[in-house]
Protein backbone atom coordinates (compact mmCIF):
# COMPACT_ATOMS: atom_id res chain seq x y z
CA MET A 1 -65.93 -53.77 17.34
CA GLU A 2 -68.98 -54.09 15.05
CA ASN A 3 -70.69 -51.19 16.82
CA ILE A 4 -67.75 -48.89 16.75
CA ASN A 5 -67.28 -49.45 13.02
CA ARG A 6 -70.89 -48.83 12.39
CA GLU A 7 -70.58 -45.55 14.21
CA LEU A 8 -67.41 -44.67 12.32
CA LEU A 9 -68.97 -45.26 8.93
CA ASP A 10 -72.05 -43.30 9.90
CA PHE A 11 -69.82 -40.41 11.03
CA ILE A 12 -67.96 -40.49 7.78
CA ASP A 13 -71.17 -40.59 5.80
CA ARG A 14 -72.40 -37.51 7.71
CA SER A 15 -69.07 -35.72 7.15
CA PRO A 16 -68.50 -35.16 3.40
CA THR A 17 -66.36 -32.07 4.16
CA ALA A 18 -64.26 -30.74 7.02
CA TRP A 19 -67.01 -28.25 7.87
CA HIS A 20 -69.52 -31.10 8.32
CA ALA A 21 -67.05 -33.15 10.30
CA ALA A 22 -66.36 -30.22 12.69
CA ALA A 23 -70.04 -29.60 13.11
CA ASN A 24 -70.66 -33.25 13.94
CA ILE A 25 -67.81 -33.40 16.44
CA ALA A 26 -69.04 -30.13 18.09
CA ALA A 27 -72.55 -31.55 18.31
CA GLU A 28 -71.36 -34.69 19.98
CA LEU A 29 -69.29 -32.69 22.47
CA GLU A 30 -72.31 -30.58 23.26
CA ARG A 31 -74.44 -33.76 23.89
CA ALA A 32 -71.71 -34.78 26.34
CA GLY A 33 -71.92 -31.58 28.26
CA TYR A 34 -69.15 -29.48 26.69
CA THR A 35 -69.95 -25.76 26.80
CA ARG A 36 -69.28 -23.81 23.55
CA LEU A 37 -66.72 -21.00 23.88
CA TYR A 38 -66.51 -18.19 21.41
CA GLU A 39 -63.04 -16.67 20.82
CA GLU A 40 -64.41 -13.18 20.44
CA GLU A 41 -65.80 -13.19 24.00
CA ASN A 42 -64.18 -13.08 27.41
CA TRP A 43 -64.12 -16.53 29.11
CA GLN A 44 -65.25 -17.31 32.62
CA LEU A 45 -64.22 -20.96 33.29
CA GLN A 46 -64.38 -23.26 36.20
CA ALA A 47 -62.44 -26.43 37.14
CA PRO A 48 -63.79 -29.03 36.96
CA GLY A 49 -65.43 -27.99 33.67
CA LYS A 50 -65.83 -29.07 30.03
CA TYR A 51 -65.47 -26.64 27.17
CA HIS A 52 -64.92 -26.52 23.39
CA ALA A 53 -64.35 -23.93 20.66
CA VAL A 54 -64.75 -23.96 16.90
CA ARG A 55 -62.65 -21.94 14.52
CA ASN A 56 -63.71 -21.11 10.97
CA GLY A 57 -66.45 -23.78 11.24
CA SER A 58 -63.83 -26.47 10.40
CA ALA A 59 -61.54 -26.96 13.37
CA VAL A 60 -62.52 -27.96 16.92
CA ILE A 61 -60.62 -28.00 20.19
CA ALA A 62 -62.24 -29.48 23.33
CA LEU A 63 -60.90 -29.17 26.89
CA ASN A 64 -61.83 -31.24 29.96
CA LEU A 65 -60.51 -29.52 33.11
CA PRO A 66 -60.15 -31.55 36.33
CA GLU A 67 -60.20 -29.73 39.67
CA GLN A 68 -56.48 -29.19 39.98
CA PRO A 69 -54.85 -29.57 36.53
CA ASP A 70 -51.08 -29.47 36.33
CA GLY A 71 -50.63 -30.15 32.65
CA PHE A 72 -52.26 -31.18 29.38
CA LEU A 73 -52.71 -34.46 27.59
CA ILE A 74 -53.42 -33.65 23.93
CA MET A 75 -54.50 -35.74 20.98
CA ALA A 76 -54.62 -34.05 17.57
CA ALA A 77 -56.01 -35.24 14.23
CA HIS A 78 -57.37 -33.51 11.11
CA ASP A 79 -60.75 -33.49 9.34
CA ASP A 80 -59.87 -32.47 5.76
CA SER A 81 -59.19 -34.92 2.95
CA PRO A 82 -58.05 -34.50 -0.67
CA ALA A 83 -60.89 -33.50 -2.93
CA PHE A 84 -61.79 -31.39 -5.93
CA ARG A 85 -63.06 -27.89 -5.08
CA VAL A 86 -65.47 -26.05 -7.41
CA LYS A 87 -64.30 -22.72 -8.65
CA ALA A 88 -66.30 -19.62 -7.90
CA GLU A 89 -67.28 -19.24 -11.52
CA GLY A 90 -67.40 -22.97 -12.09
CA GLU A 91 -70.31 -23.58 -14.45
CA GLU A 92 -69.46 -23.92 -18.12
CA LYS A 93 -71.13 -25.12 -21.33
CA THR A 94 -69.15 -27.48 -23.60
CA LEU A 95 -69.68 -28.27 -27.28
CA GLY A 96 -73.23 -27.00 -27.02
CA ILE A 97 -74.07 -30.36 -25.47
CA TYR A 98 -72.86 -30.60 -21.88
CA SER A 99 -72.84 -28.63 -18.66
CA ARG A 100 -69.71 -29.04 -16.57
CA LEU A 101 -68.09 -27.70 -13.42
CA ALA A 102 -64.57 -26.18 -13.37
CA VAL A 103 -62.61 -27.57 -10.45
CA GLU A 104 -59.20 -27.47 -8.86
CA LYS A 105 -57.30 -29.86 -6.69
CA TYR A 106 -57.38 -29.62 -2.87
CA GLY A 107 -54.50 -31.73 -1.57
CA GLY A 108 -52.79 -34.64 -3.37
CA MET A 109 -55.31 -37.22 -4.39
CA LEU A 110 -55.18 -40.39 -6.61
CA CYS A 111 -57.09 -38.80 -9.47
CA SER A 112 -58.06 -42.04 -11.26
CA THR A 113 -60.19 -43.18 -8.35
CA TRP A 114 -62.54 -40.28 -8.85
CA LEU A 115 -63.50 -41.35 -12.40
CA ASP A 116 -66.72 -43.09 -13.39
CA ARG A 117 -68.37 -43.07 -9.98
CA PRO A 118 -71.38 -41.09 -8.63
CA LEU A 119 -70.30 -37.80 -7.02
CA SER A 120 -72.08 -34.91 -5.37
CA LEU A 121 -71.29 -31.54 -3.81
CA ALA A 122 -71.12 -30.38 -0.19
CA GLY A 123 -69.53 -27.51 1.73
CA ARG A 124 -70.66 -24.17 3.07
CA VAL A 125 -72.48 -21.18 1.61
CA ALA A 126 -72.68 -17.55 2.66
CA VAL A 127 -76.33 -16.51 2.58
CA ARG A 128 -77.60 -12.91 2.88
CA GLU A 129 -80.05 -12.55 5.79
CA GLU A 130 -81.56 -9.58 7.53
CA GLY A 131 -78.75 -7.83 9.33
CA GLY A 132 -75.80 -9.62 7.66
CA VAL A 133 -74.53 -12.84 6.16
CA THR A 134 -74.78 -16.31 7.64
CA MET A 135 -72.62 -19.33 6.80
CA LYS A 136 -74.70 -22.43 6.21
CA LEU A 137 -73.66 -26.01 5.61
CA VAL A 138 -74.93 -27.59 2.46
CA ASN A 139 -74.99 -31.16 1.13
CA ILE A 140 -76.77 -31.93 -2.12
CA ASP A 141 -77.57 -35.41 -0.96
CA ARG A 142 -78.11 -37.21 -4.24
CA ASP A 143 -76.07 -38.57 -7.20
CA LEU A 144 -75.33 -35.34 -9.06
CA LEU A 145 -72.04 -35.63 -11.04
CA VAL A 146 -69.67 -37.96 -12.81
CA ILE A 147 -66.19 -37.48 -14.16
CA PRO A 148 -66.20 -39.77 -17.25
CA ASN A 149 -63.17 -41.69 -18.26
CA LEU A 150 -61.89 -41.87 -21.81
CA ALA A 151 -62.64 -45.17 -23.55
CA ILE A 152 -59.83 -47.66 -24.08
CA HIS A 153 -60.49 -47.38 -27.84
CA MET A 154 -59.53 -43.70 -27.75
CA ASP A 155 -56.60 -44.13 -25.39
CA ARG A 156 -54.85 -47.41 -26.08
CA SER A 157 -52.10 -46.57 -23.54
CA ALA A 158 -54.49 -46.03 -20.64
CA ASN A 159 -53.41 -49.23 -18.88
CA GLU A 160 -49.71 -48.56 -19.41
CA GLY A 161 -49.43 -45.52 -17.17
CA LYS A 162 -51.57 -42.39 -17.22
CA SER A 163 -51.06 -38.80 -16.08
CA PHE A 164 -54.15 -36.66 -15.34
CA ASN A 165 -54.57 -33.03 -16.23
CA VAL A 166 -57.10 -31.43 -13.88
CA ASN A 167 -57.92 -28.83 -16.51
CA SER A 168 -58.96 -31.40 -19.04
CA ASP A 169 -59.28 -34.91 -17.65
CA MET A 170 -60.99 -34.24 -14.29
CA ILE A 171 -63.85 -31.93 -15.06
CA PRO A 172 -67.18 -33.26 -13.71
CA LEU A 173 -70.26 -33.50 -15.86
CA ILE A 174 -73.45 -32.15 -14.22
CA GLY A 175 -75.97 -32.25 -17.04
CA SER A 176 -76.85 -31.26 -20.57
CA ALA A 177 -76.28 -27.86 -22.07
CA GLU A 178 -79.99 -27.24 -21.90
CA LEU A 179 -79.77 -27.44 -18.10
CA LYS A 180 -82.18 -24.81 -16.77
CA THR A 181 -81.25 -25.30 -13.08
CA GLY A 182 -77.91 -23.68 -12.30
CA LEU A 183 -75.69 -24.62 -9.39
CA ASN A 184 -76.91 -21.79 -7.16
CA ALA A 185 -80.47 -22.77 -7.81
CA LEU A 186 -79.68 -26.33 -6.66
CA ILE A 187 -78.07 -24.96 -3.52
CA ALA A 188 -80.93 -22.56 -2.84
CA GLU A 189 -83.48 -25.39 -3.24
CA THR A 190 -81.46 -27.61 -0.88
CA LEU A 191 -81.09 -24.88 1.84
CA GLY A 192 -84.65 -23.40 1.33
CA VAL A 193 -83.32 -19.90 0.58
CA LYS A 194 -83.58 -17.52 -2.36
CA GLU A 195 -80.96 -17.95 -5.06
CA GLU A 196 -80.29 -14.24 -5.13
CA ASP A 197 -79.33 -14.37 -1.47
CA ILE A 198 -76.43 -16.64 -2.03
CA VAL A 199 -73.35 -14.41 -1.72
CA SER A 200 -70.46 -16.95 -1.97
CA ARG A 201 -69.83 -20.68 -1.65
CA GLU A 202 -67.05 -23.18 -0.91
CA LEU A 203 -67.96 -26.59 -2.38
CA ASN A 204 -66.13 -29.84 -2.64
CA LEU A 205 -66.88 -32.89 -4.76
CA TYR A 206 -67.36 -36.02 -2.69
CA PRO A 207 -67.90 -39.73 -3.62
CA ARG A 208 -71.31 -41.09 -3.00
CA THR A 209 -70.20 -44.69 -2.44
CA PRO A 210 -71.01 -45.52 1.22
CA GLY A 211 -68.56 -47.17 3.56
CA THR A 212 -68.70 -50.93 4.21
CA VAL A 213 -67.20 -53.74 6.22
CA TRP A 214 -66.02 -56.59 4.04
CA GLY A 215 -63.70 -59.55 3.73
CA ALA A 216 -64.11 -63.31 4.20
CA GLU A 217 -64.38 -62.75 7.98
CA ASN A 218 -65.41 -59.09 7.87
CA GLU A 219 -61.82 -58.10 8.64
CA TYR A 220 -61.62 -54.96 6.57
CA LEU A 221 -63.54 -51.73 6.13
CA SER A 222 -63.54 -49.31 3.19
CA ALA A 223 -64.89 -45.81 3.03
CA PRO A 224 -64.06 -42.32 1.70
CA ARG A 225 -61.96 -40.05 3.87
CA LEU A 226 -60.58 -42.67 6.30
CA ASP A 227 -57.48 -40.44 6.23
CA ASP A 228 -58.05 -38.84 8.67
CA LEU A 229 -61.59 -39.13 9.90
CA GLN A 230 -60.84 -42.55 11.30
CA CYS A 231 -58.29 -41.03 13.67
CA ALA A 232 -60.44 -37.93 14.43
CA PHE A 233 -63.33 -40.25 15.27
CA GLY A 234 -61.19 -42.64 17.39
CA CYS A 235 -59.54 -39.81 19.32
CA MET A 236 -62.92 -38.19 19.98
CA LYS A 237 -64.47 -41.43 21.30
CA GLY A 238 -61.51 -42.03 23.59
CA PHE A 239 -61.68 -38.47 24.78
CA LEU A 240 -65.32 -38.74 25.65
CA ARG A 241 -64.99 -42.17 27.37
CA ALA A 242 -62.09 -41.17 29.57
CA ASP A 243 -63.19 -41.25 33.21
CA LYS A 244 -61.88 -38.82 35.85
CA PRO A 245 -58.82 -37.51 33.99
CA LYS A 246 -55.92 -36.41 36.22
CA LYS A 247 -54.65 -33.73 33.81
CA ALA A 248 -56.45 -31.31 31.55
CA THR A 249 -57.35 -33.47 28.52
CA VAL A 250 -57.47 -31.86 25.09
CA LEU A 251 -58.94 -32.99 21.79
CA CYS A 252 -57.79 -31.10 18.69
CA VAL A 253 -59.21 -31.65 15.24
CA PHE A 254 -57.50 -29.25 12.79
CA ASP A 255 -58.30 -28.39 9.19
CA ASN A 256 -56.11 -27.95 6.11
CA GLU A 257 -53.45 -30.57 6.96
CA GLU A 258 -53.67 -31.75 3.34
CA VAL A 259 -52.46 -28.36 2.04
CA GLY A 260 -49.78 -27.60 4.65
CA SER A 261 -51.75 -26.50 7.74
CA GLY A 262 -50.88 -22.83 7.15
CA THR A 263 -54.29 -21.32 7.90
CA ARG A 264 -55.87 -19.90 11.10
CA GLN A 265 -57.72 -23.17 11.55
CA GLY A 266 -54.68 -25.37 10.79
CA ALA A 267 -52.03 -26.89 12.98
CA ASP A 268 -49.66 -24.15 11.96
CA SER A 269 -51.71 -21.47 13.74
CA GLY A 270 -52.18 -20.19 17.28
CA PHE A 271 -55.45 -22.01 17.80
CA LEU A 272 -54.19 -24.60 20.25
CA ASP A 273 -51.94 -22.20 22.15
CA ASP A 274 -54.79 -19.63 22.23
CA MET A 275 -57.21 -22.19 23.63
CA LEU A 276 -54.83 -23.53 26.34
CA SER A 277 -53.36 -20.19 27.45
CA ARG A 278 -56.71 -18.50 27.59
CA ALA A 279 -58.23 -21.32 29.58
CA TRP A 280 -55.38 -21.19 32.04
CA ALA A 281 -55.71 -17.42 32.38
CA ALA A 282 -59.47 -17.78 32.87
CA LEU A 283 -58.75 -20.14 35.81
CA GLY A 284 -56.66 -17.39 37.47
CA ARG A 285 -53.30 -18.96 36.56
CA SER A 286 -50.25 -16.86 35.59
CA ASP A 287 -48.33 -17.17 32.35
CA ALA A 288 -45.47 -18.73 34.29
CA GLN A 289 -47.88 -21.42 35.61
CA TYR A 290 -49.06 -22.03 32.06
CA ARG A 291 -45.45 -22.54 30.84
CA ALA A 292 -44.86 -24.94 33.74
CA ALA A 293 -48.04 -26.88 32.74
CA LEU A 294 -46.77 -27.20 29.22
CA ALA A 295 -43.48 -28.67 30.44
CA ASN A 296 -45.58 -31.38 32.18
CA SER A 297 -47.66 -32.18 29.12
CA PHE A 298 -47.78 -34.63 26.26
CA MET A 299 -49.19 -34.67 22.71
CA VAL A 300 -50.15 -37.48 20.38
CA SER A 301 -50.54 -36.56 16.68
CA ALA A 302 -52.83 -39.08 15.04
CA ASP A 303 -52.86 -39.46 11.22
CA ASN A 304 -53.18 -42.73 9.37
CA ALA A 305 -50.18 -44.74 8.22
CA HIS A 306 -49.36 -46.92 5.21
CA ALA A 307 -50.04 -50.68 5.52
CA VAL A 308 -47.72 -52.97 3.59
CA HIS A 309 -49.40 -53.39 0.20
CA PRO A 310 -50.45 -56.94 -0.87
CA ASN A 311 -49.44 -56.30 -4.52
CA HIS A 312 -46.44 -53.98 -3.96
CA PRO A 313 -44.67 -54.97 -0.72
CA GLU A 314 -41.44 -53.56 -2.23
CA TYR A 315 -42.54 -49.99 -1.32
CA ALA A 316 -42.54 -50.78 2.41
CA ASP A 317 -39.56 -50.85 4.72
CA ARG A 318 -38.08 -54.39 5.10
CA ASN A 319 -38.52 -54.52 8.83
CA GLU A 320 -41.08 -51.85 9.92
CA ARG A 321 -44.10 -52.52 7.71
CA PRO A 322 -47.43 -52.20 9.61
CA VAL A 323 -50.39 -54.45 8.75
CA MET A 324 -54.07 -53.71 9.02
CA ASN A 325 -55.68 -55.07 12.20
CA GLY A 326 -52.21 -55.12 13.75
CA GLY A 327 -52.90 -52.29 16.20
CA VAL A 328 -51.86 -48.67 16.60
CA VAL A 329 -48.90 -47.63 14.48
CA ILE A 330 -46.11 -45.53 16.00
CA LYS A 331 -44.29 -43.58 13.29
CA PHE A 332 -40.53 -42.96 13.20
CA ASN A 333 -38.36 -40.81 10.93
CA ALA A 334 -34.72 -39.85 11.44
CA ALA A 335 -35.27 -36.45 9.79
CA MET A 336 -38.12 -35.84 12.36
CA SER A 337 -40.90 -35.39 9.85
CA TYR A 338 -42.55 -37.53 12.49
CA THR A 339 -42.04 -36.26 15.96
CA THR A 340 -41.55 -39.57 17.76
CA ASP A 341 -38.46 -40.04 19.82
CA GLY A 342 -37.34 -42.60 22.41
CA LEU A 343 -39.10 -40.85 25.30
CA SER A 344 -42.44 -40.33 23.60
CA ALA A 345 -42.48 -43.81 22.07
CA ALA A 346 -41.76 -45.35 25.45
CA VAL A 347 -44.57 -43.44 27.14
CA PHE A 348 -47.16 -44.38 24.53
CA SER A 349 -46.05 -48.02 24.17
CA GLU A 350 -46.33 -48.55 27.93
CA LEU A 351 -49.83 -47.02 28.00
CA CYS A 352 -50.91 -49.29 25.14
CA ARG A 353 -49.38 -52.34 26.84
CA ALA A 354 -51.36 -51.61 30.00
CA ALA A 355 -54.56 -51.21 27.91
CA GLU A 356 -53.83 -54.45 25.99
CA VAL A 357 -53.64 -52.57 22.68
CA PRO A 358 -51.08 -53.94 20.16
CA VAL A 359 -48.52 -51.51 18.79
CA GLN A 360 -46.61 -51.47 15.49
CA ARG A 361 -43.71 -49.49 14.18
CA TYR A 362 -43.61 -47.64 10.88
CA SER A 363 -40.75 -46.10 9.02
CA ASN A 364 -40.49 -45.00 5.46
CA ARG A 365 -38.35 -47.12 3.17
CA PRO A 366 -35.05 -45.19 3.53
CA ASP A 367 -34.76 -44.26 -0.15
CA LEU A 368 -38.36 -43.06 -0.50
CA ARG A 369 -39.75 -39.76 0.70
CA GLY A 370 -42.63 -40.04 3.06
CA GLY A 371 -45.46 -37.66 4.01
CA GLY A 372 -45.58 -35.28 6.93
CA THR A 373 -48.11 -34.82 9.68
CA LEU A 374 -49.50 -32.04 11.79
CA GLY A 375 -47.45 -33.09 14.82
CA HIS A 376 -44.13 -31.33 14.01
CA ILE A 377 -46.05 -28.31 12.64
CA SER A 378 -48.05 -27.92 15.87
CA LEU A 379 -44.80 -28.17 17.95
CA ALA A 380 -43.70 -24.80 16.68
CA HIS A 381 -46.61 -23.24 18.64
CA VAL A 382 -47.04 -25.58 21.67
CA SER A 383 -43.72 -27.33 22.35
CA VAL A 384 -44.43 -30.50 24.38
CA PRO A 385 -43.14 -34.06 24.09
CA THR A 386 -44.96 -35.50 21.11
CA LEU A 387 -45.23 -38.66 19.06
CA ASP A 388 -46.90 -39.54 15.77
CA ILE A 389 -49.31 -42.45 15.48
CA GLY A 390 -51.87 -43.69 13.01
CA LEU A 391 -53.91 -46.73 11.86
CA ALA A 392 -52.59 -48.83 8.98
CA GLN A 393 -54.50 -48.41 5.76
CA LEU A 394 -54.29 -49.07 1.99
CA ALA A 395 -54.80 -46.65 -0.90
CA MET A 396 -54.23 -43.47 1.10
CA HIS A 397 -55.61 -40.40 -0.68
CA SER A 398 -57.83 -42.53 -2.90
CA SER A 399 -61.48 -41.47 -3.05
CA TYR A 400 -62.17 -44.88 -1.34
CA GLU A 401 -59.66 -46.16 1.18
CA THR A 402 -59.31 -49.44 3.11
CA ALA A 403 -58.34 -50.12 6.77
CA GLY A 404 -58.61 -52.87 9.38
CA ALA A 405 -61.94 -53.55 11.05
CA LYS A 406 -60.21 -54.09 14.44
CA ASP A 407 -58.10 -50.96 14.43
CA THR A 408 -60.74 -48.28 15.19
CA ASP A 409 -61.48 -50.00 18.49
CA TYR A 410 -57.72 -50.28 19.23
CA LEU A 411 -57.38 -46.50 18.79
CA VAL A 412 -60.42 -45.69 21.00
CA ARG A 413 -58.95 -47.90 23.78
CA ALA A 414 -55.51 -46.38 23.40
CA ALA A 415 -56.89 -42.82 23.41
CA ARG A 416 -58.93 -43.53 26.53
CA ALA A 417 -55.90 -44.99 28.32
CA PHE A 418 -53.85 -41.97 27.36
CA TYR A 419 -56.38 -39.50 28.58
CA GLU A 420 -56.81 -41.37 31.88
CA SER A 421 -53.06 -41.58 32.53
CA GLY A 422 -51.21 -39.72 35.28
CA TYR A 423 -48.27 -38.91 33.11
CA ARG A 424 -45.36 -36.94 34.58
CA VAL A 425 -42.02 -36.34 32.95
CA SER A 426 -38.60 -34.97 33.72
CA GLU A 427 -35.38 -35.05 31.70
CA GLU A 428 -34.37 -38.28 33.55
CA SER A 429 -37.53 -40.31 34.03
CA ILE A 430 -41.12 -40.98 33.18
CA SER A 431 -43.96 -41.65 35.57
CA LEU A 432 -47.27 -43.20 34.38
């Protein structure tokens, strides 16, 4: 457990943005022998064989093909998190004293948690090179920015409830007005390129506070971006540890879940269907055989869940209130914002029971609206039996979130058991 949490926190530290997370996942897949596929090329695949593809630099799908695959076992997570994104013309002088950066919100974050802590910038940059433009990852790996709070003397109601205006309250300070080094110059220095060769940039703010394991008995861990890098990491580790899978196993890490998934690299795109159908065709299978394989497939959508809060238990359901370190959480919702039904819950619960992984149930308090996940969005493109799971955490969408130290290992073990299963389904019965 200690080792897996150390690996998780290192992965999060190296993944300040979705682009970095996707690059780190792709690199680990390549070290494990997964051949990179490019969507603009024709594919020549073999079974058995291991392959992966990257879309937009921020979404990854990997595929492990056994010799005679008859369906797919899919786990999906996302690698984006709420953050502030720097505007294209983001640098501004204020009062003749300060230099600031204009930002806008990406996703729904707890704004107050971004105040008064060291921040920096990471993302990707388009750089002009001979023959064209190349996208490069960038991380200005030092304390660079702060979003300063307003003193209690100037806002006496600050502790009585506060709303935050991104246009006025959440603008990061980068230096004095006499600042001679602009943002593009900082990026150019970091990348070792000429400032005039920077064509465009996509930059997010990220908190510099590293992740840690804590508690009287080291029972908790806290870090930025646990939602959803903890699930992305756990699914990836289970995927890579699975031995001799009986079906084609699939790892999906999508981008843009926090803003609705409606992009070419999000769950509401053809990326997964493109990957699976093209792989089947490259193996010489017909479209009818592909559709039959989908009917004998299963998907797990993994996105963290809310633990019952120690100070506000009233926001949890009376009966289905997960706890940190209590195991994998299966999510239920009568309106099907979570995809779990009786069939999919039974399949996954039995797999976890065999793997000795504890399972919990989560439902929203009936009178409170809950969040959605990528599971039901992805189903519109690849319609297979699906359920939603996650790991219980506190302070979701804070810049610094908290989860259970045991739960990462539980997810890795559950994912491995899922990928190694011999699942078959009909309308009447389930075979594991």
